[in-house]
Amino acid sequence: MSFAAEVPSVRVRAPGKINVYLEVGALQHDGYHELATAFQAVSLFEDVVATHADGFTMSVGGAVDLDGVPTDDRNLALRAARLLAAETGYEAGVHLDVHKQVPVAGGMGGGSADAAAALVACDALWDTRLTGPELHRLAARLGADVPFALRGGTAIGTGRGDVLNPALARGRFDWVLVTSVDGVSTPKVYGELDAHRERHKVDIGPIATRPSVDAEVLHALRAGDPAMLAAALRNDLQVATLRLRPDLAAVLEHGEASGALAGLVSGSGPTLAFLCGSPEHALELRTVLAAAGHDALHVHGPVPGARVVG
């Protein structure tokens, strides 16, 4: 394995994601759920700059609320760097400077994007030259969303979301995101979903043990048709998130009443994602929601996964 100190630093950019479709299977004996999801990477990015160092350290900044973001080994990006060093035998360290734009604990995979960016940045900085499949294998060990942040674009995820297959997506999809300062714990959302299903098991019926992505989602992505995709959006976690954050229901209704083709909770939330018919419609909706006092952003997808930008 070749190690080089010739490049002083490497900057890598990785995207946040929206789950345009998320079916959650029944709770398994190991405490996890099988998932079937359609990921789309969107133009809200995390930047990670990796610099040579003797140990493993990091700093975090950005335009989002950083309260609760750790800068020690609890942070997925630092764990990613340590994992790569351990796997390749690299004996020095790195300093990671993370600039965040993806909301923290917002259901958009910001921490996973940081980890994917750290893997790519350290691989380039240290000249360890891992292949794409090797990086993917390490990403999967870090968390279910990390492999997609590495890949980007549009993909279908199964298993725990980490078994990826590319999905053909033509054209551009425009979204308006409404972010929230108060994050939501993903484990709590899954716990609430299990409790909700138990309370309503007579009405809901059997839960699939092997969920799958609806064919209509794939058709809509392939056609590049926002209206078709809007009709197929699904997020099984939404009912649980709205029980934990009932205030979000009124915002969803407002966005849909103000011109969105459809709205849904992004992942475990609390970020809300509104699909729009065009960039112009998205700008109009963003203006309406911002005027109502919401933190609203216009993004688009699909965009590439983690890549070196400087």
Protein backbone atom coordinates (compact mmCIF):
# COMPACT_ATOMS: atom_id res chain seq x y z
CA MET A 1 0.00 0.00 0.00
CA SER A 2 1.36 3.42 -0.99
CA PHE A 3 1.25 6.30 1.47
CA ALA A 4 2.07 9.85 0.42
CA ALA A 5 2.32 13.17 2.21
CA GLU A 6 2.76 15.26 -0.94
CA VAL A 7 -0.79 16.63 -1.03
CA PRO A 8 -1.32 18.98 1.95
CA SER A 9 -5.11 18.65 2.04
CA VAL A 10 -8.08 17.23 0.16
CA ARG A 11 -11.61 18.65 0.01
CA VAL A 12 -14.51 16.28 -0.67
CA ARG A 13 -18.17 17.14 -1.13
CA ALA A 14 -20.99 14.67 -0.40
CA PRO A 15 -24.75 15.18 -0.74
CA GLY A 16 -27.68 14.85 1.57
CA LYS A 17 -30.52 12.59 0.48
CA ILE A 18 -34.27 12.29 0.31
CA ASN A 19 -36.02 8.95 0.59
CA VAL A 20 -38.65 9.32 -2.10
CA TYR A 21 -39.98 5.91 -1.15
CA LEU A 22 -39.47 4.04 2.12
CA GLU A 23 -41.24 0.83 3.04
CA VAL A 24 -40.31 -0.53 6.46
CA GLY A 25 -40.66 -4.26 7.00
CA ALA A 26 -41.64 -6.04 10.20
CA LEU A 27 -39.40 -5.85 13.25
CA GLN A 28 -36.85 -8.70 13.14
CA HIS A 29 -35.54 -10.77 16.04
CA ASP A 30 -32.26 -8.84 15.94
CA GLY A 31 -34.09 -5.56 16.56
CA TYR A 32 -33.70 -4.27 13.01
CA HIS A 33 -36.13 -3.83 10.13
CA GLU A 34 -35.76 -4.82 6.51
CA LEU A 35 -36.13 -1.74 4.29
CA ALA A 36 -36.93 -1.00 0.68
CA THR A 37 -36.16 2.56 -0.28
CA ALA A 38 -35.54 4.79 -3.25
CA PHE A 39 -32.81 7.32 -2.45
CA GLN A 40 -32.24 10.54 -4.33
CA ALA A 41 -29.14 12.64 -3.63
CA VAL A 42 -29.94 16.37 -3.61
CA SER A 43 -27.99 19.60 -3.92
CA LEU A 44 -27.48 20.21 -0.21
CA PHE A 45 -23.90 19.29 0.55
CA GLU A 46 -21.43 18.52 3.31
CA ASP A 47 -17.79 19.54 2.69
CA VAL A 48 -14.97 17.72 4.45
CA VAL A 49 -11.35 18.94 4.25
CA ALA A 50 -8.78 16.34 5.30
CA THR A 51 -5.31 17.51 6.38
CA HIS A 52 -2.30 15.48 7.50
CA ALA A 53 -1.95 15.21 11.30
CA ASP A 54 -0.31 13.01 13.90
CA GLY A 55 -3.59 11.99 15.52
CA PHE A 56 -7.29 11.93 14.63
CA THR A 57 -9.07 15.22 15.27
CA MET A 58 -11.89 17.21 13.74
CA SER A 59 -13.70 20.53 13.78
CA VAL A 60 -17.25 21.29 12.67
CA GLY A 61 -18.82 24.46 11.28
CA GLY A 62 -21.57 25.49 8.94
CA ALA A 63 -24.84 27.32 8.51
CA VAL A 64 -26.98 24.77 10.38
CA ASP A 65 -27.57 24.31 14.10
CA LEU A 66 -24.53 22.36 15.30
CA ASP A 67 -25.78 21.75 18.83
CA GLY A 68 -25.10 18.15 19.78
CA VAL A 69 -22.68 17.38 16.94
CA PRO A 70 -19.76 15.52 18.56
CA THR A 71 -16.16 16.13 17.55
CA ASP A 72 -14.76 12.96 19.10
CA ASP A 73 -15.01 9.30 18.14
CA ARG A 74 -18.80 9.43 18.40
CA ASN A 75 -18.71 11.34 15.11
CA LEU A 76 -19.17 9.08 12.10
CA ALA A 77 -16.65 11.00 9.99
CA LEU A 78 -13.85 10.50 12.51
CA ARG A 79 -14.79 6.83 12.83
CA ALA A 80 -14.61 6.55 9.04
CA ALA A 81 -11.07 7.93 9.03
CA ARG A 82 -9.98 5.57 11.78
CA LEU A 83 -11.56 2.61 10.00
CA LEU A 84 -9.76 3.40 6.74
CA ALA A 85 -6.44 3.75 8.57
CA ALA A 86 -6.96 0.44 10.37
CA GLU A 87 -7.93 -1.38 7.17
CA THR A 88 -4.98 -0.06 5.15
CA GLY A 89 -2.29 -0.01 7.83
CA TYR A 90 -1.86 3.77 7.70
CA GLU A 91 -0.05 4.78 10.87
CA ALA A 92 -0.34 8.59 10.99
CA GLY A 93 -3.58 10.54 11.38
CA VAL A 94 -5.76 13.27 9.94
CA HIS A 95 -7.58 16.42 10.88
CA LEU A 96 -11.08 16.69 9.40
CA ASP A 97 -12.69 20.10 9.00
CA VAL A 98 -16.39 19.51 8.35
CA HIS A 99 -18.62 22.24 6.91
CA LYS A 100 -22.28 21.26 7.26
CA GLN A 101 -25.27 22.35 5.20
CA VAL A 102 -27.49 19.30 5.73
CA PRO A 103 -29.70 19.67 8.84
CA VAL A 104 -28.45 17.79 11.90
CA ALA A 105 -30.74 14.88 12.89
CA GLY A 106 -33.01 15.94 10.05
CA GLY A 107 -33.57 12.66 8.24
CA MET A 108 -31.36 13.64 5.30
CA GLY A 109 -28.24 11.62 6.06
CA GLY A 110 -25.88 14.48 6.87
CA GLY A 111 -23.74 12.42 9.23
CA SER A 112 -23.58 9.64 6.65
CA ALA A 113 -22.49 12.15 4.01
CA ASP A 114 -19.70 13.29 6.35
CA ALA A 115 -18.54 9.70 6.76
CA ALA A 116 -18.59 9.05 3.01
CA ALA A 117 -16.69 12.28 2.38
CA ALA A 118 -14.13 11.37 5.05
CA LEU A 119 -13.51 7.98 3.43
CA VAL A 120 -12.93 9.52 0.01
CA ALA A 121 -10.85 12.42 1.39
CA CYS A 122 -8.57 10.22 3.48
CA ASP A 123 -8.15 7.70 0.68
CA ALA A 124 -6.98 10.52 -1.60
CA LEU A 125 -4.88 12.28 1.06
CA TRP A 126 -3.11 9.10 2.15
CA ASP A 127 -2.89 7.67 -1.39
CA THR A 128 -4.32 4.37 -0.16
CA ARG A 129 -6.04 3.81 -3.52
CA LEU A 130 -8.95 1.66 -2.44
CA THR A 131 -11.31 0.53 -5.18
CA GLY A 132 -14.94 1.58 -5.31
CA PRO A 133 -16.16 -1.80 -3.97
CA GLU A 134 -13.61 -1.66 -1.13
CA LEU A 135 -14.78 1.81 -0.10
CA HIS A 136 -18.41 0.63 -0.33
CA ARG A 137 -17.63 -2.28 2.00
CA LEU A 138 -16.16 0.08 4.59
CA ALA A 139 -19.07 2.48 4.16
CA ALA A 140 -21.57 -0.30 4.89
CA ARG A 141 -19.77 -1.03 8.17
CA LEU A 142 -20.29 2.58 9.26
CA GLY A 143 -24.04 2.88 8.70
CA ALA A 144 -26.90 2.06 6.36
CA ASP A 145 -26.95 5.46 4.58
CA VAL A 146 -23.18 5.81 4.12
CA PRO A 147 -22.92 3.66 0.97
CA PHE A 148 -25.54 5.79 -0.78
CA ALA A 149 -23.78 9.04 0.17
CA LEU A 150 -20.70 7.50 -1.43
CA ARG A 151 -22.60 6.63 -4.63
CA GLY A 152 -25.11 9.48 -4.97
CA GLY A 153 -27.50 9.83 -7.88
CA THR A 154 -30.63 7.72 -7.51
CA ALA A 155 -30.59 4.19 -6.14
CA ILE A 156 -32.73 1.48 -4.67
CA GLY A 157 -31.70 0.32 -1.22
CA THR A 158 -32.71 -2.98 0.36
CA GLY A 159 -31.63 -4.94 3.42
CA ARG A 160 -31.04 -2.19 5.96
CA GLY A 161 -30.79 0.29 3.09
CA ASP A 162 -27.13 -0.49 2.42
CA VAL A 163 -27.60 -3.02 -0.41
CA LEU A 164 -27.71 -0.66 -3.39
CA ASN A 165 -28.75 -1.00 -6.99
CA PRO A 166 -28.64 2.03 -9.32
CA ALA A 167 -31.95 3.34 -10.60
CA LEU A 168 -32.27 5.17 -13.90
CA ALA A 169 -33.55 8.71 -13.31
CA ARG A 170 -33.93 11.10 -16.21
CA GLY A 171 -34.12 14.85 -15.94
CA ARG A 172 -34.26 16.91 -12.79
CA PHE A 173 -36.53 16.81 -9.77
CA ASP A 174 -37.04 20.01 -7.77
CA TRP A 175 -37.75 19.96 -4.06
CA VAL A 176 -38.45 22.52 -1.36
CA LEU A 177 -37.20 21.49 2.05
CA VAL A 178 -38.54 22.83 5.31
CA THR A 179 -35.97 22.29 8.04
CA SER A 180 -36.41 22.26 11.80
CA VAL A 181 -34.06 23.29 14.58
CA ASP A 182 -35.21 20.43 16.80
CA GLY A 183 -34.00 17.10 15.48
CA VAL A 184 -35.71 13.73 15.89
CA SER A 185 -34.02 10.56 17.12
CA THR A 186 -34.15 7.86 14.45
CA PRO A 187 -34.33 5.01 17.03
CA LYS A 188 -37.26 6.77 18.71
CA VAL A 189 -39.06 7.05 15.37
CA TYR A 190 -38.62 3.34 14.66
CA GLY A 191 -39.79 2.56 18.20
CA GLU A 192 -42.87 4.70 17.71
CA LEU A 193 -43.58 3.00 14.38
CA ASP A 194 -43.45 -0.43 16.03
CA ALA A 195 -45.77 0.80 18.80
CA HIS A 196 -48.17 2.29 16.25
CA ARG A 197 -48.28 -0.96 14.30
CA GLU A 198 -48.94 -2.94 17.46
CA ARG A 199 -51.79 -0.61 18.46
CA HIS A 200 -53.37 -0.83 15.01
CA LYS A 201 -52.41 -4.36 13.98
CA VAL A 202 -56.02 -5.38 13.32
CA ASP A 203 -56.50 -2.54 10.84
CA ILE A 204 -53.01 -2.65 9.31
CA GLY A 205 -52.76 -6.41 8.90
CA PRO A 206 -49.53 -8.33 8.34
CA ILE A 207 -46.37 -6.30 7.76
CA ALA A 208 -44.14 -7.43 4.92
CA THR A 209 -40.93 -9.13 6.00
CA ARG A 210 -39.37 -8.47 2.58
CA PRO A 211 -40.54 -5.01 1.47
CA SER A 212 -39.98 -3.78 -2.08
CA VAL A 213 -40.06 -0.48 -3.97
CA ASP A 214 -43.26 0.06 -5.94
CA ALA A 215 -42.78 -0.25 -9.70
CA GLU A 216 -44.56 3.10 -10.18
CA VAL A 217 -41.67 4.83 -8.41
CA LEU A 218 -39.19 3.32 -10.85
CA HIS A 219 -41.39 4.27 -13.82
CA ALA A 220 -41.68 7.86 -12.59
CA LEU A 221 -37.93 8.20 -12.06
CA ARG A 222 -37.19 6.67 -15.44
CA ALA A 223 -39.65 9.02 -17.13
CA GLY A 224 -38.36 12.07 -15.25
CA ASP A 225 -42.00 12.87 -14.42
CA PRO A 226 -42.49 14.78 -11.13
CA ALA A 227 -46.28 14.41 -11.19
CA MET A 228 -46.01 10.64 -11.60
CA LEU A 229 -43.45 10.46 -8.80
CA ALA A 230 -45.64 12.61 -6.54
CA ALA A 231 -48.42 10.04 -6.82
CA ALA A 232 -46.04 7.25 -5.74
CA LEU A 233 -44.23 8.87 -2.78
CA ARG A 234 -44.30 6.82 0.42
CA ASN A 235 -42.64 6.96 3.81
CA ASP A 236 -43.70 4.39 6.41
CA LEU A 237 -41.85 6.36 9.10
CA GLN A 238 -43.99 9.44 8.54
CA VAL A 239 -46.85 8.35 10.79
CA ALA A 240 -44.40 7.81 13.66
CA THR A 241 -42.55 11.10 13.11
CA LEU A 242 -45.82 13.04 13.06
CA ARG A 243 -46.84 11.44 16.36
CA LEU A 244 -43.56 12.65 17.88
CA ARG A 245 -43.80 16.03 16.12
CA PRO A 246 -47.50 16.75 15.48
CA ASP A 247 -46.67 20.36 14.59
CA LEU A 248 -45.25 19.14 11.27
CA ALA A 249 -48.65 18.01 9.98
CA ALA A 250 -49.86 21.60 9.53
CA VAL A 251 -46.70 22.49 7.61
CA LEU A 252 -47.22 19.51 5.29
CA GLU A 253 -50.79 20.62 4.63
CA HIS A 254 -49.68 24.22 4.02
CA GLY A 255 -47.02 23.18 1.51
CA GLU A 256 -49.38 20.96 -0.44
CA ALA A 257 -52.11 23.61 -0.40
CA SER A 258 -49.58 26.16 -1.69
CA GLY A 259 -48.69 24.35 -4.89
CA ALA A 260 -46.49 21.37 -4.05
CA LEU A 261 -47.26 18.25 -6.05
CA ALA A 262 -46.83 16.28 -2.82
CA GLY A 263 -45.03 16.49 0.48
CA LEU A 264 -43.55 13.94 2.84
CA VAL A 265 -41.30 13.60 5.85
CA SER A 266 -37.71 13.00 4.73
CA GLY A 267 -36.53 9.73 6.22
CA SER A 268 -37.10 9.79 9.97
CA GLY A 269 -37.55 13.57 9.85
CA PRO A 270 -38.16 16.20 10.95
CA THR A 271 -37.16 17.75 7.60
CA LEU A 272 -40.12 17.98 5.21
CA ALA A 273 -39.64 17.56 1.47
CA PHE A 274 -42.09 19.02 -1.07
CA LEU A 275 -41.87 17.86 -4.67
CA CYS A 276 -42.49 20.59 -7.24
CA GLY A 277 -43.26 20.53 -10.94
CA SER A 278 -40.44 22.82 -12.04
CA PRO A 279 -37.64 25.07 -10.72
CA GLU A 280 -40.00 28.06 -11.05
CA HIS A 281 -42.71 26.38 -9.01
CA ALA A 282 -40.15 25.44 -6.38
CA LEU A 283 -38.98 29.04 -6.06
CA GLU A 284 -42.57 30.19 -5.68
CA LEU A 285 -43.29 27.62 -2.97
CA ARG A 286 -40.07 28.45 -1.15
CA THR A 287 -41.12 32.11 -1.08
CA VAL A 288 -44.57 31.25 0.29
CA LEU A 289 -43.22 28.98 3.01
CA ALA A 290 -40.47 31.43 3.99
CA ALA A 291 -43.07 34.20 4.26
CA ALA A 292 -44.99 31.98 6.68
CA GLY A 293 -41.91 31.86 8.91
CA HIS A 294 -40.46 28.51 7.89
CA ASP A 295 -36.82 27.79 7.06
CA ALA A 296 -37.27 26.76 3.43
CA LEU A 297 -34.64 25.70 0.88
CA HIS A 298 -34.84 24.90 -2.82
CA VAL A 299 -32.76 21.89 -3.87
CA HIS A 300 -32.71 19.55 -6.83
CA GLY A 301 -31.67 16.02 -7.62
CA PRO A 302 -30.18 13.72 -8.54
CA VAL A 303 -26.60 14.88 -7.92
CA PRO A 304 -23.35 12.88 -7.67
CA GLY A 305 -22.08 11.18 -4.54
CA ALA A 306 -18.92 11.95 -2.56
CA ARG A 307 -16.22 13.36 -4.82
CA VAL A 308 -12.99 15.33 -4.57
CA VAL A 309 -13.53 19.05 -5.30
CA GLY A 310 -10.18 20.47 -4.30
